[in-house]
Amino acid sequence: MNDTVIDTIEKLQTQGLEALKQAQAAQAAAVNSFREIVSNATSNLPGAQGLRNIPTVISQVNELNSTFAVKLIEQQNEYVTQLVSLLKSAQKDVTPADGTADKA
């Protein structure tokens, strides 16, 4: 049964990642179209130089988000490891109904 549950979770995660990838590709295409429109519309406007800083800011925000995501995953991994450890120790503390200690 555990293998079936694990397989199902893995399939759902794979499907979720694929859906996210497709959504990101659509969003990137939309941003590219918007970039082209803005570039064409502002190419001759005074003050349009300030718009050239946008990619740098986006890159910096992306780096911050990536660092945050790594820290979040590390923290979640530590938390789950703690929970598993607690559950394993609780499992060892359970005494069977016949009074003998569990040797798991």
Protein backbone atom coordinates (compact mmCIF):
# COMPACT_ATOMS: atom_id res chain seq x y z
CA MET A 1 0.00 0.00 0.00
CA ASN A 2 2.84 2.42 0.83
CA ASP A 3 4.29 2.04 -2.65
CA THR A 4 0.91 2.90 -4.17
CA VAL A 5 0.59 6.02 -2.02
CA ILE A 6 4.16 7.09 -2.81
CA ASP A 7 3.65 6.46 -6.53
CA THR A 8 0.45 8.50 -6.49
CA ILE A 9 2.13 11.39 -4.66
CA GLU A 10 5.04 11.31 -7.09
CA LYS A 11 2.67 11.38 -10.09
CA LEU A 12 0.74 14.31 -8.60
CA GLN A 13 3.97 16.21 -7.97
CA THR A 14 5.14 15.58 -11.53
CA GLN A 15 1.79 16.75 -12.92
CA GLY A 16 1.90 19.83 -10.68
CA LEU A 17 5.39 20.74 -11.86
CA GLU A 18 4.38 20.28 -15.49
CA ALA A 19 1.31 22.48 -15.03
CA LEU A 20 3.48 25.12 -13.35
CA LYS A 21 5.99 24.95 -16.20
CA GLN A 22 3.23 25.46 -18.77
CA ALA A 23 1.77 28.39 -16.81
CA GLN A 24 5.21 29.98 -16.55
CA ALA A 25 5.82 29.56 -20.28
CA ALA A 26 2.50 31.28 -21.03
CA GLN A 27 3.33 34.07 -18.61
CA ALA A 28 6.81 34.53 -20.11
CA ALA A 29 5.27 34.78 -23.59
CA ALA A 30 2.82 37.41 -22.31
CA VAL A 31 5.63 39.39 -20.67
CA ASN A 32 7.64 39.24 -23.88
CA SER A 33 4.68 40.58 -25.87
CA PHE A 34 4.19 43.36 -23.32
CA ARG A 35 7.93 44.15 -23.45
CA GLU A 36 7.78 44.50 -27.22
CA ILE A 37 4.75 46.79 -27.02
CA VAL A 38 6.37 48.99 -24.37
CA SER A 39 9.68 49.04 -26.23
CA ASN A 40 8.03 50.13 -29.46
CA ALA A 41 5.81 52.71 -27.75
CA THR A 42 8.54 54.29 -25.64
CA SER A 43 11.55 54.12 -27.93
CA ASN A 44 11.22 57.80 -28.83
CA LEU A 45 9.80 59.13 -25.57
CA PRO A 46 11.93 61.28 -23.27
CA GLY A 47 12.75 59.52 -19.98
CA ALA A 48 12.46 56.06 -21.50
CA GLN A 49 16.01 55.32 -20.33
CA GLY A 50 14.63 54.59 -16.85
CA LEU A 51 12.79 51.59 -18.24
CA ARG A 52 16.12 49.98 -19.07
CA ASN A 53 16.69 49.32 -15.34
CA ILE A 54 13.68 47.01 -15.17
CA PRO A 55 15.61 43.85 -16.20
CA THR A 56 18.21 44.49 -13.47
CA VAL A 57 15.54 44.90 -10.81
CA ILE A 58 13.72 41.80 -12.03
CA SER A 59 16.98 39.85 -11.92
CA GLN A 60 17.64 40.98 -8.35
CA VAL A 61 14.12 40.06 -7.27
CA ASN A 62 14.52 36.68 -8.95
CA GLU A 63 17.74 36.05 -7.02
CA LEU A 64 16.01 36.98 -3.75
CA ASN A 65 13.11 34.66 -4.59
CA SER A 66 15.46 31.80 -5.46
CA THR A 67 17.36 32.21 -2.20
CA PHE A 68 14.08 32.32 -0.29
CA ALA A 69 12.80 29.18 -2.03
CA VAL A 70 15.96 27.25 -1.14
CA LYS A 71 15.72 28.36 2.50
CA LEU A 72 12.03 27.45 2.57
CA ILE A 73 12.69 23.97 1.23
CA GLU A 74 15.54 23.45 3.71
CA GLN A 75 13.33 24.58 6.58
CA GLN A 76 10.45 22.34 5.47
CA ASN A 77 12.82 19.40 5.12
CA GLU A 78 14.15 19.96 8.64
CA TYR A 79 10.59 20.21 9.99
CA VAL A 80 9.45 16.99 8.31
CA THR A 81 12.60 15.21 9.50
CA GLN A 82 11.76 16.32 13.05
CA LEU A 83 8.18 15.08 12.71
CA VAL A 84 9.29 11.71 11.34
CA SER A 85 11.75 11.36 14.20
CA LEU A 86 9.05 12.16 16.74
CA LEU A 87 6.62 9.72 15.14
CA LYS A 88 9.26 6.98 15.07
CA SER A 89 10.04 7.51 18.75
CA ALA A 90 6.32 7.49 19.58
CA GLN A 91 5.95 4.24 17.67
CA LYS A 92 8.71 2.68 19.80
CA ASP A 93 7.00 3.86 23.00
CA VAL A 94 3.73 2.08 22.19
CA THR A 95 3.27 -1.09 24.21
CA PRO A 96 1.26 -3.86 22.54
CA ALA A 97 -1.95 -5.08 24.23
CA ASP A 98 -0.26 -8.29 25.39
CA GLY A 99 2.14 -6.26 27.56
CA THR A 100 5.33 -7.06 25.65
CA ALA A 101 7.50 -4.17 24.50
CA ASP A 102 7.68 -3.43 20.80
CA LYS A 103 11.19 -4.06 19.43
CA ALA A 104 10.79 -2.04 16.22
